[in-house]
């Protein structure tokens, strides 16, 4: 673990690694303006419309290294953005001129921050051209973005963009509009937990359970950091206090290894274990706010370590097992998250004074914490950390994050993640921002009870939006009980079977007990296991998974069978893990029980 004095080397090393990867992937072909300055994407094979946002980390790297290669790369990346220019001053998200223009706010912010922080590196002609282009983008944003424009992250991000642009361009109207959007954004904090909502439209809609649309990934990596940046720049204490209070609730979801537990969020489709695929990251904001809560600095540091561990050959990979599964990374992850790292590195010597030794809330938590407005329970006993969700707000028809009282995440302090819930059906909600499914098969990673009939009908508790969750904590032991139904995708199954699931945690073991199961039902447990981790089944009811730091032992009361798959491991981009799925058959009483221990 890095000592406090190691924070700056950690961040500078990560920025150097990523900027080196970006430079190696950049196309340098001045005679071909359609590609010159863009970045080759190993996964997508074509330029991403937001390539130019790399200007900020590249100029930060030019600043700290005095290496002209990074300055040249930044200038070329901005020049390429002419390929996504729109007549109204916007940039389009893709090369398609009819594609989404809302992401103009992120390009404009990157350009404004680049000029504000590093303008002295630019010659006068480049600086002038960039400011002129910023003016056109800022005017488009001012005239277009309202509190209800797109998802809530756009209004939040625009607050900082317009304040910063207004300062650079000496335009009080831009600053005033930024302030108005910031104040409107902080009205979207849920009760009682102060979670930022609006990642789903309409933001005012409530689910059948009364839940608002909340997504942890977008909140902690985009909305709250940009609101914090606005508040610090504008000296807006009202917004700052609201953001700090909200971040405290969000940081409660961070796992001790720095992962953001967005297993339940509305935009779970873009969740990767370290965060959200095309958001900017949390690092700079949490470090800037560290004086308000020492857990913020710990969270920033843990997450930066995880980002480093998920990086290979200079690029951030979409999850811990993308590389081990032999899949190429999307470069979008790198140039977006490099912006937050650049912001942190820009803090310079201030980083050396930040204490990163605090414990995270979920590191010290024991017992239960319920977030009623999203129907999610965090449970902890001894070394185990579990998330159980009944959250029922759907981002779009046919897009399902785990629900139905499912165990959307299980983590152990010795071996890390054991289960991590994926999309129930892997669908490309945002085709340009998500990768096609791997290996030609779609096997969800969420533990579940299911019936798969010969006629293709699939019934599972994951589709049940009416499941109820109760819980109790005693000394050293926690129990979460679920009553659910096995529903189909449309939630209109005739007489869906009612089942019960009980999760019990103590210092020695984690137990899942499903009861009331029809004979054709199965308890399915996709155990996270990287391709080089040995998985053995020495007995019909016993499975052993050898991890680097310990061995996971899964014992069942009924017959346990490894589910046949296309390859030796299944892989899901949400959240980027390989796994081996097992199914446990119910006994004659309709019960299927699995008990997990770790020997280390």
Foldseek 3Di string as FASTA:
>chain_A
DDALQCLLVLLLVLLVLQLVLQLVQQDDDVVDLLRFLFGQWQFPRDGWLLQLLLLQSLLLNCVVPVDCSSVVSNLRSVSSNVLQADPQLFGARGSPVPHDRLCSLSNLQSLLVSCVQRVVVDDPVSSVVSLVSSVSSLVCLLVPDDCQPAFNLSLLSQLLSQLSNCVVVVNVSSNVSSVVSLVSQLVQADPPQGARAGNAPPQPDADPLRAGAGFLQCVQQGRLLSLLNNCVVVVPVVSNVSSVSNVLSQLLQADQQLFRQRLQHQVLLQAARLGGQQGQGRQLSLLVCCVVPVLSLLNNSSSSVVQVQQDDSNARAQYNFCVLVPHGGTRSNSSRNSNSSSNNSSVPPVSSVRGNPDGGNNRPDAAWDADSSQQKIWHDFAFKIWIFALGQDHRDQPWFRFHLRWGQWMAGNQFGTWFHWHTCFNDCPPVVRDGPFPPPDTDTRTWWKWFQDPVGWIWTSRQWNPKDWDWDDDVQKIKIKIWGFGATSVRPDDPTQIKMWMWMDGNFKIKIKIASADQRMKGKHWTFARPPWDWDDPDQQWIWTHGPRWIKIKGKPAGKDWDDDSDPWGFDSSHTTTTTMIIGGADPRRMIMIMIGIGD
